[in-house]
Amino acid sequence: MLWLGLPSSIKNIKNSQNYVLVILSLPCVALCSCRYYHDLARCLII
């Protein structure tokens, strides 16, 4: 019984870790992409 419940609990832990990582990385990705596109637009304009 415990052996059967173990993989699902490990999977839940991994999923929650991925969820937290995604939430934490979203602002960074948004900031980097905004900065990148801003620089790209500035390069194209100049």
N, C-alpha and C. Protein backbone atom coordinates (compact mmCIF):
# COMPACT_ATOMS: atom_id res chain seq x y z
N MET A 1 0.83 -1.20 0.00
CA MET A 1 0.00 0.00 0.00
C MET A 1 0.87 1.26 0.00
N LEU A 2 1.86 1.28 0.87
CA LEU A 2 2.76 2.42 0.94
C LEU A 2 3.58 2.53 -0.34
N TRP A 3 4.00 1.37 -0.88
CA TRP A 3 4.81 1.34 -2.10
C TRP A 3 4.03 1.91 -3.28
N LEU A 4 2.72 1.66 -3.31
CA LEU A 4 1.89 2.19 -4.40
C LEU A 4 1.69 3.69 -4.27
N GLY A 5 1.62 4.19 -3.02
CA GLY A 5 1.39 5.62 -2.82
C GLY A 5 2.64 6.46 -3.01
N LEU A 6 3.81 5.81 -2.97
CA LEU A 6 5.07 6.55 -3.04
C LEU A 6 5.30 7.24 -4.38
N PRO A 7 5.15 6.55 -5.52
CA PRO A 7 5.40 7.22 -6.81
C PRO A 7 4.50 8.43 -7.03
N SER A 8 3.23 8.32 -6.63
CA SER A 8 2.32 9.45 -6.85
C SER A 8 2.72 10.64 -5.98
N SER A 9 3.17 10.37 -4.75
CA SER A 9 3.59 11.48 -3.89
C SER A 9 4.86 12.13 -4.43
N ILE A 10 5.77 11.33 -4.97
CA ILE A 10 6.99 11.87 -5.58
C ILE A 10 6.62 12.71 -6.80
N LYS A 11 5.67 12.21 -7.58
CA LYS A 11 5.23 12.95 -8.77
C LYS A 11 4.60 14.28 -8.36
N ASN A 12 3.80 14.27 -7.28
CA ASN A 12 3.18 15.50 -6.79
C ASN A 12 4.24 16.49 -6.34
N ILE A 13 5.27 16.01 -5.67
CA ILE A 13 6.35 16.89 -5.23
C ILE A 13 7.05 17.50 -6.44
N LYS A 14 7.34 16.69 -7.43
CA LYS A 14 8.00 17.20 -8.65
C LYS A 14 7.11 18.21 -9.36
N ASN A 15 5.82 17.92 -9.47
CA ASN A 15 4.90 18.84 -10.13
C ASN A 15 4.82 20.16 -9.40
N SER A 16 4.77 20.12 -8.06
CA SER A 16 4.68 21.36 -7.30
C SER A 16 5.98 22.15 -7.44
N GLN A 17 7.12 21.47 -7.49
CA GLN A 17 8.39 22.16 -7.68
C GLN A 17 8.42 22.83 -9.05
N ASN A 18 7.97 22.13 -10.08
CA ASN A 18 7.94 22.72 -11.42
C ASN A 18 7.01 23.93 -11.45
N TYR A 19 5.87 23.81 -10.77
CA TYR A 19 4.89 24.90 -10.72
C TYR A 19 5.51 26.15 -10.10
N VAL A 20 6.22 25.95 -8.98
CA VAL A 20 6.88 27.07 -8.30
C VAL A 20 7.96 27.66 -9.20
N LEU A 21 8.74 26.81 -9.86
CA LEU A 21 9.80 27.29 -10.75
C LEU A 21 9.21 28.09 -11.90
N VAL A 22 8.12 27.62 -12.46
CA VAL A 22 7.48 28.34 -13.57
C VAL A 22 7.00 29.70 -13.11
N ILE A 23 6.36 29.74 -11.94
CA ILE A 23 5.86 31.02 -11.41
C ILE A 23 7.00 31.98 -11.14
N LEU A 24 8.11 31.45 -10.59
CA LEU A 24 9.25 32.31 -10.29
C LEU A 24 9.95 32.79 -11.56
N SER A 25 9.96 31.95 -12.59
CA SER A 25 10.69 32.31 -13.81
C SER A 25 9.87 33.21 -14.74
N LEU A 26 8.56 33.23 -14.60
CA LEU A 26 7.74 34.05 -15.49
C LEU A 26 8.11 35.53 -15.48
N PRO A 27 8.24 36.18 -14.32
CA PRO A 27 8.64 37.60 -14.34
C PRO A 27 10.00 37.81 -14.98
N CYS A 28 10.95 36.89 -14.71
CA CYS A 28 12.29 37.02 -15.29
C CYS A 28 12.22 36.91 -16.81
N VAL A 29 11.45 35.94 -17.29
CA VAL A 29 11.30 35.76 -18.74
C VAL A 29 10.64 36.98 -19.36
N ALA A 30 9.61 37.49 -18.71
CA ALA A 30 8.92 38.67 -19.23
C ALA A 30 9.86 39.87 -19.29
N LEU A 31 10.63 40.05 -18.22
CA LEU A 31 11.57 41.17 -18.16
C LEU A 31 12.62 41.04 -19.25
N CYS A 32 13.20 39.84 -19.37
CA CYS A 32 14.25 39.62 -20.37
C CYS A 32 13.70 39.82 -21.78
N SER A 33 12.51 39.28 -22.06
CA SER A 33 11.95 39.40 -23.40
C SER A 33 11.58 40.85 -23.70
N CYS A 34 11.05 41.56 -22.70
CA CYS A 34 10.73 42.98 -22.90
C CYS A 34 12.00 43.76 -23.20
N ARG A 35 13.04 43.48 -22.44
CA ARG A 35 14.31 44.18 -22.63
C ARG A 35 14.88 43.84 -24.00
N TYR A 36 14.79 42.55 -24.36
CA TYR A 36 15.34 42.10 -25.65
C TYR A 36 14.60 42.77 -26.80
N TYR A 37 13.27 42.76 -26.74
CA TYR A 37 12.50 43.35 -27.83
C TYR A 37 12.66 44.87 -27.87
N HIS A 38 12.83 45.48 -26.70
CA HIS A 38 13.06 46.92 -26.65
C HIS A 38 14.40 47.26 -27.33
N ASP A 39 15.43 46.49 -27.00
CA ASP A 39 16.74 46.69 -27.63
C ASP A 39 16.67 46.42 -29.13
N LEU A 40 15.94 45.39 -29.50
CA LEU A 40 15.80 45.02 -30.90
C LEU A 40 15.11 46.16 -31.67
N ALA A 41 14.04 46.70 -31.09
CA ALA A 41 13.32 47.80 -31.74
C ALA A 41 14.22 49.02 -31.86
N ARG A 42 15.00 49.28 -30.81
CA ARG A 42 15.90 50.43 -30.83
C ARG A 42 16.96 50.25 -31.91
N CYS A 43 17.45 49.03 -32.05
CA CYS A 43 18.45 48.75 -33.10
C CYS A 43 17.83 48.94 -34.49
N LEU A 44 16.61 48.49 -34.65
CA LEU A 44 15.95 48.61 -35.95
C LEU A 44 15.65 50.07 -36.28
N ILE A 45 15.27 50.83 -35.27
CA ILE A 45 14.95 52.25 -35.49
C ILE A 45 16.23 53.01 -35.84
N ILE A 46 17.30 52.74 -35.11
CA ILE A 46 18.58 53.40 -35.37
C ILE A 46 19.24 52.70 -36.56
